[in-house]
Amino acid sequence: MNYLLAILLPPLSIFLAGRPILGIITFLIWIPALFLSGGLTHPMFILLAWFIIFEGRNRQA
């Protein structure tokens, strides 16, 4: 479920993955990046969120 959320709202997904400070910082960078690049940077934030979710699952196991 968190991977699907990472596609739509990467900062929220990062926040829910247990990295709240990184989620807030990502949100502050994500909003201007969406408007200034026309959405071209969105895949970069998706990959970041997926990496953090994957890292969090490996850390717990």
PDB file of N, CA and C in Angstrom:
ATOM      1  N   MET A   1       0.826  -1.197   0.000  1.00  0.00           N
ATOM      2  CA  MET A   1       0.000   0.000   0.000  1.00  0.00           C
ATOM      3  C   MET A   1       0.863   1.250   0.000  1.00  0.00           C
ATOM      4  N   ASN A   2       1.966   1.194   0.751  1.00  0.00           N
ATOM      5  CA  ASN A   2       2.830   2.362   0.832  1.00  0.00           C
ATOM      6  C   ASN A   2       3.517   2.629  -0.508  1.00  0.00           C
ATOM      7  N   TYR A   3       3.769   1.574  -1.302  1.00  0.00           N
ATOM      8  CA  TYR A   3       4.371   1.775  -2.617  1.00  0.00           C
ATOM      9  C   TYR A   3       3.414   2.516  -3.550  1.00  0.00           C
ATOM     10  N   LEU A   4       2.135   2.222  -3.463  1.00  0.00           N
ATOM     11  CA  LEU A   4       1.141   2.943  -4.268  1.00  0.00           C
ATOM     12  C   LEU A   4       1.053   4.399  -3.827  1.00  0.00           C
ATOM     13  N   LEU A   5       1.105   4.628  -2.545  1.00  0.00           N
ATOM     14  CA  LEU A   5       1.102   5.992  -2.028  1.00  0.00           C
ATOM     15  C   LEU A   5       2.354   6.741  -2.477  1.00  0.00           C
ATOM     16  N   ALA A   6       3.468   6.031  -2.621  1.00  0.00           N
ATOM     17  CA  ALA A   6       4.709   6.658  -3.078  1.00  0.00           C
ATOM     18  C   ALA A   6       4.574   7.180  -4.501  1.00  0.00           C
ATOM     19  N   ILE A   7       3.762   6.548  -5.309  1.00  0.00           N
ATOM     20  CA  ILE A   7       3.552   7.019  -6.677  1.00  0.00           C
ATOM     21  C   ILE A   7       2.765   8.325  -6.678  1.00  0.00           C
ATOM     22  N   LEU A   8       1.777   8.424  -5.819  1.00  0.00           N
ATOM     23  CA  LEU A   8       0.902   9.599  -5.811  1.00  0.00           C
ATOM     24  C   LEU A   8       1.457  10.743  -4.973  1.00  0.00           C
ATOM     25  N   LEU A   9       1.889  10.445  -3.749  1.00  0.00           N
ATOM     26  CA  LEU A   9       2.374  11.467  -2.812  1.00  0.00           C
ATOM     27  C   LEU A   9       3.658  10.980  -2.133  1.00  0.00           C
ATOM     28  N   PRO A  10       4.789  11.110  -2.804  1.00  0.00           N
ATOM     29  CA  PRO A  10       6.039  10.592  -2.227  1.00  0.00           C
ATOM     30  C   PRO A  10       6.383  11.142  -0.843  1.00  0.00           C
ATOM     31  N   PRO A  11       6.218  12.452  -0.562  1.00  0.00           N
ATOM     32  CA  PRO A  11       6.575  12.919   0.782  1.00  0.00           C
ATOM     33  C   PRO A  11       5.745  12.273   1.893  1.00  0.00           C
ATOM     34  N   LEU A  12       4.462  12.071   1.657  1.00  0.00           N
ATOM     35  CA  LEU A  12       3.615  11.422   2.656  1.00  0.00           C
ATOM     36  C   LEU A  12       4.044   9.977   2.868  1.00  0.00           C
ATOM     37  N   SER A  13       4.401   9.313   1.806  1.00  0.00           N
ATOM     38  CA  SER A  13       4.870   7.939   1.903  1.00  0.00           C
ATOM     39  C   SER A  13       6.157   7.847   2.713  1.00  0.00           C
ATOM     40  N   ILE A  14       7.071   8.793   2.503  1.00  0.00           N
ATOM     41  CA  ILE A  14       8.310   8.826   3.271  1.00  0.00           C
ATOM     42  C   ILE A  14       8.005   9.082   4.742  1.00  0.00           C
ATOM     43  N   PHE A  15       7.083   9.988   4.998  1.00  0.00           N
ATOM     44  CA  PHE A  15       6.677  10.303   6.367  1.00  0.00           C
ATOM     45  C   PHE A  15       6.119   9.067   7.065  1.00  0.00           C
ATOM     46  N   LEU A  16       5.267   8.316   6.368  1.00  0.00           N
ATOM     47  CA  LEU A  16       4.646   7.129   6.954  1.00  0.00           C
ATOM     48  C   LEU A  16       5.611   5.948   7.054  1.00  0.00           C
ATOM     49  N   ALA A  17       6.723   6.014   6.335  1.00  0.00           N
ATOM     50  CA  ALA A  17       7.716   4.932   6.399  1.00  0.00           C
ATOM     51  C   ALA A  17       8.608   5.055   7.625  1.00  0.00           C
ATOM     52  N   GLY A  18       8.351   6.065   8.446  1.00  0.00           N
ATOM     53  CA  GLY A  18       9.115   6.207   9.669  1.00  0.00           C
ATOM     54  C   GLY A  18      10.233   7.224   9.593  1.00  0.00           C
ATOM     55  N   ARG A  19      10.210   8.078   8.585  1.00  0.00           N
ATOM     56  CA  ARG A  19      11.230   9.121   8.433  1.00  0.00           C
ATOM     57  C   ARG A  19      10.540  10.481   8.358  1.00  0.00           C
ATOM     58  N   PRO A  20       9.976  10.968   9.481  1.00  0.00           N
ATOM     59  CA  PRO A  20       9.153  12.188   9.424  1.00  0.00           C
ATOM     60  C   PRO A  20       9.925  13.450   9.032  1.00  0.00           C
ATOM     61  N   ILE A  21      11.145  13.609   9.511  1.00  0.00           N
ATOM     62  CA  ILE A  21      11.905  14.818   9.175  1.00  0.00           C
ATOM     63  C   ILE A  21      12.257  14.818   7.691  1.00  0.00           C
ATOM     64  N   LEU A  22      12.678  13.680   7.176  1.00  0.00           N
ATOM     65  CA  LEU A  22      12.977  13.576   5.753  1.00  0.00           C
ATOM     66  C   LEU A  22      11.715  13.781   4.917  1.00  0.00           C
ATOM     67  N   GLY A  23      10.571  13.322   5.410  1.00  0.00           N
ATOM     68  CA  GLY A  23       9.307  13.540   4.710  1.00  0.00           C
ATOM     69  C   GLY A  23       8.958  15.013   4.614  1.00  0.00           C
ATOM     70  N   ILE A  24       9.188  15.761   5.678  1.00  0.00           N
ATOM     71  CA  ILE A  24       8.895  17.201   5.664  1.00  0.00           C
ATOM     72  C   ILE A  24       9.853  17.933   4.729  1.00  0.00           C
ATOM     73  N   ILE A  25      11.140  17.581   4.795  1.00  0.00           N
ATOM     74  CA  ILE A  25      12.122  18.216   3.909  1.00  0.00           C
ATOM     75  C   ILE A  25      11.808  17.896   2.458  1.00  0.00           C
ATOM     76  N   THR A  26      11.446  16.658   2.184  1.00  0.00           N
ATOM     77  CA  THR A  26      11.089  16.266   0.821  1.00  0.00           C
ATOM     78  C   THR A  26       9.860  17.024   0.340  1.00  0.00           C
ATOM     79  N   PHE A  27       8.887  17.218   1.217  1.00  0.00           N
ATOM     80  CA  PHE A  27       7.692  17.971   0.844  1.00  0.00           C
ATOM     81  C   PHE A  27       8.041  19.406   0.464  1.00  0.00           C
ATOM     82  N   LEU A  28       8.941  20.011   1.244  1.00  0.00           N
ATOM     83  CA  LEU A  28       9.324  21.394   0.972  1.00  0.00           C
ATOM     84  C   LEU A  28      10.089  21.536  -0.346  1.00  0.00           C
ATOM     85  N   ILE A  29      10.744  20.485  -0.782  1.00  0.00           N
ATOM     86  CA  ILE A  29      11.445  20.510  -2.068  1.00  0.00           C
ATOM     87  C   ILE A  29      10.523  20.057  -3.195  1.00  0.00           C
ATOM     88  N   TRP A  30       9.621  19.126  -2.905  1.00  0.00           N
ATOM     89  CA  TRP A  30       8.762  18.505  -3.915  1.00  0.00           C
ATOM     90  C   TRP A  30       7.768  19.487  -4.533  1.00  0.00           C
ATOM     91  N   ILE A  31       7.128  20.307  -3.704  1.00  0.00           N
ATOM     92  CA  ILE A  31       6.109  21.237  -4.208  1.00  0.00           C
ATOM     93  C   ILE A  31       6.687  22.217  -5.235  1.00  0.00           C
ATOM     94  N   PRO A  32       7.761  22.960  -4.913  1.00  0.00           N
ATOM     95  CA  PRO A  32       8.299  23.864  -5.946  1.00  0.00           C
ATOM     96  C   PRO A  32       8.842  23.116  -7.164  1.00  0.00           C
ATOM     97  N   ALA A  33       9.412  21.923  -6.941  1.00  0.00           N
ATOM     98  CA  ALA A  33       9.955  21.160  -8.066  1.00  0.00           C
ATOM     99  C   ALA A  33       8.854  20.745  -9.032  1.00  0.00           C
ATOM    100  N   LEU A  34       7.678  20.403  -8.506  1.00  0.00           N
ATOM    101  CA  LEU A  34       6.567  20.039  -9.385  1.00  0.00           C
ATOM    102  C   LEU A  34       6.149  21.196 -10.283  1.00  0.00           C
ATOM    103  N   PHE A  35       6.070  22.380  -9.712  1.00  0.00           N
ATOM    104  CA  PHE A  35       5.607  23.528 -10.481  1.00  0.00           C
ATOM    105  C   PHE A  35       6.681  24.081 -11.409  1.00  0.00           C
ATOM    106  N   LEU A  36       7.916  24.093 -10.960  1.00  0.00           N
ATOM    107  CA  LEU A  36       8.980  24.676 -11.774  1.00  0.00           C
ATOM    108  C   LEU A  36       9.404  23.775 -12.926  1.00  0.00           C
ATOM    109  N   SER A  37       9.333  22.463 -12.742  1.00  0.00           N
ATOM    110  CA  SER A  37       9.756  21.551 -13.806  1.00  0.00           C
ATOM    111  C   SER A  37       8.580  20.998 -14.599  1.00  0.00           C
ATOM    112  N   GLY A  38       7.380  21.325 -14.199  1.00  0.00           N
ATOM    113  CA  GLY A  38       6.214  20.796 -14.893  1.00  0.00           C
ATOM    114  C   GLY A  38       5.981  19.327 -14.624  1.00  0.00           C
ATOM    115  N   GLY A  39       6.456  18.826 -13.507  1.00  0.00           N
ATOM    116  CA  GLY A  39       6.238  17.427 -13.145  1.00  0.00           C
ATOM    117  C   GLY A  39       7.343  16.486 -13.582  1.00  0.00           C
ATOM    118  N   LEU A  40       8.390  17.008 -14.212  1.00  0.00           N
ATOM    119  CA  LEU A  40       9.465  16.135 -14.684  1.00  0.00           C
ATOM    120  C   LEU A  40      10.311  15.556 -13.551  1.00  0.00           C
ATOM    121  N   THR A  41      10.291  16.170 -12.383  1.00  0.00           N
ATOM    122  CA  THR A  41      11.087  15.667 -11.259  1.00  0.00           C
ATOM    123  C   THR A  41      10.313  14.674 -10.397  1.00  0.00           C
ATOM    124  N   HIS A  42       9.033  14.488 -10.670  1.00  0.00           N
ATOM    125  CA  HIS A  42       8.212  13.591  -9.857  1.00  0.00           C
ATOM    126  C   HIS A  42       8.768  12.159  -9.815  1.00  0.00           C
ATOM    127  N   PRO A  43       9.238  11.587 -10.939  1.00  0.00           N
ATOM    128  CA  PRO A  43       9.804  10.224 -10.856  1.00  0.00           C
ATOM    129  C   PRO A  43      11.002  10.118  -9.919  1.00  0.00           C
ATOM    130  N   MET A  44      11.779  11.179  -9.798  1.00  0.00           N
ATOM    131  CA  MET A  44      12.914  11.162  -8.886  1.00  0.00           C
ATOM    132  C   MET A  44      12.435  10.993  -7.442  1.00  0.00           C
ATOM    133  N   PHE A  45      11.363  11.681  -7.067  1.00  0.00           N
ATOM    134  CA  PHE A  45      10.835  11.578  -5.719  1.00  0.00           C
ATOM    135  C   PHE A  45      10.172  10.217  -5.489  1.00  0.00           C
ATOM    136  N   ILE A  46       9.581   9.646  -6.521  1.00  0.00           N
ATOM    137  CA  ILE A  46       9.010   8.301  -6.408  1.00  0.00           C
ATOM    138  C   ILE A  46      10.109   7.294  -6.110  1.00  0.00           C
ATOM    139  N   LEU A  47      11.218   7.385  -6.829  1.00  0.00           N
ATOM    140  CA  LEU A  47      12.342   6.473  -6.590  1.00  0.00           C
ATOM    141  C   LEU A  47      12.919   6.658  -5.194  1.00  0.00           C
ATOM    142  N   LEU A  48      13.009   7.884  -4.743  1.00  0.00           N
ATOM    143  CA  LEU A  48      13.485   8.142  -3.387  1.00  0.00           C
ATOM    144  C   LEU A  48      12.567   7.484  -2.357  1.00  0.00           C
ATOM    145  N   ALA A  49      11.266   7.647  -2.529  1.00  0.00           N
ATOM    146  CA  ALA A  49      10.306   7.053  -1.594  1.00  0.00           C
ATOM    147  C   ALA A  49      10.389   5.534  -1.612  1.00  0.00           C
ATOM    148  N   TRP A  50      10.479   4.931  -2.801  1.00  0.00           N
ATOM    149  CA  TRP A  50      10.582   3.478  -2.887  1.00  0.00           C
ATOM    150  C   TRP A  50      11.846   2.976  -2.208  1.00  0.00           C
ATOM    151  N   PHE A  51      12.951   3.689  -2.394  1.00  0.00           N
ATOM    152  CA  PHE A  51      14.203   3.288  -1.755  1.00  0.00           C
ATOM    153  C   PHE A  51      14.080   3.346  -0.236  1.00  0.00           C
ATOM    154  N   ILE A  52      13.465   4.384   0.282  1.00  0.00           N
ATOM    155  CA  ILE A  52      13.324   4.528   1.737  1.00  0.00           C
ATOM    156  C   ILE A  52      12.384   3.463   2.299  1.00  0.00           C
ATOM    157  N   ILE A  53      11.305   3.162   1.594  1.00  0.00           N
ATOM    158  CA  ILE A  53      10.385   2.106   2.041  1.00  0.00           C
ATOM    159  C   ILE A  53      11.109   0.762   2.050  1.00  0.00           C
ATOM    160  N   PHE A  54      11.845   0.475   0.979  1.00  0.00           N
ATOM    161  CA  PHE A  54      12.577  -0.793   0.877  1.00  0.00           C
ATOM    162  C   PHE A  54      13.639  -0.892   1.968  1.00  0.00           C
ATOM    163  N   GLU A  55      14.354   0.197   2.219  1.00  0.00           N
ATOM    164  CA  GLU A  55      15.373   0.209   3.254  1.00  0.00           C
ATOM    165  C   GLU A  55      14.746  -0.005   4.635  1.00  0.00           C
ATOM    166  N   GLY A  56      13.603   0.593   4.885  1.00  0.00           N
ATOM    167  CA  GLY A  56      12.931   0.430   6.157  1.00  0.00           C
ATOM    168  C   GLY A  56      12.454  -0.995   6.385  1.00  0.00           C
ATOM    169  N   ARG A  57      12.013  -1.643   5.338  1.00  0.00           N
ATOM    170  CA  ARG A  57      11.573  -3.040   5.483  1.00  0.00           C
ATOM    171  C   ARG A  57      12.758  -3.964   5.736  1.00  0.00           C
ATOM    172  N   ASN A  58      13.893  -3.682   5.104  1.00  0.00           N
ATOM    173  CA  ASN A  58      15.084  -4.515   5.331  1.00  0.00           C
ATOM    174  C   ASN A  58      15.649  -4.291   6.723  1.00  0.00           C
ATOM    175  N   ARG A  59      15.526  -3.074   7.237  1.00  0.00           N
ATOM    176  CA  ARG A  59      16.044  -2.761   8.563  1.00  0.00           C
ATOM    177  C   ARG A  59      15.227  -3.472   9.642  1.00  0.00           C
ATOM    178  N   GLN A  60      13.915  -3.612   9.412  1.00  0.00           N
ATOM    179  CA  GLN A  60      13.047  -4.264  10.398  1.00  0.00           C
ATOM    180  C   GLN A  60      13.210  -5.771  10.416  1.00  0.00           C
ATOM    181  N   ALA A  61      13.562  -6.341   9.278  1.00  0.00           N
ATOM    182  CA  ALA A  61      13.658  -7.813   9.186  1.00  0.00           C
ATOM    183  C   ALA A  61      14.901  -8.359   9.837  1.00  0.00           C
TER     184      ALA A  61
END
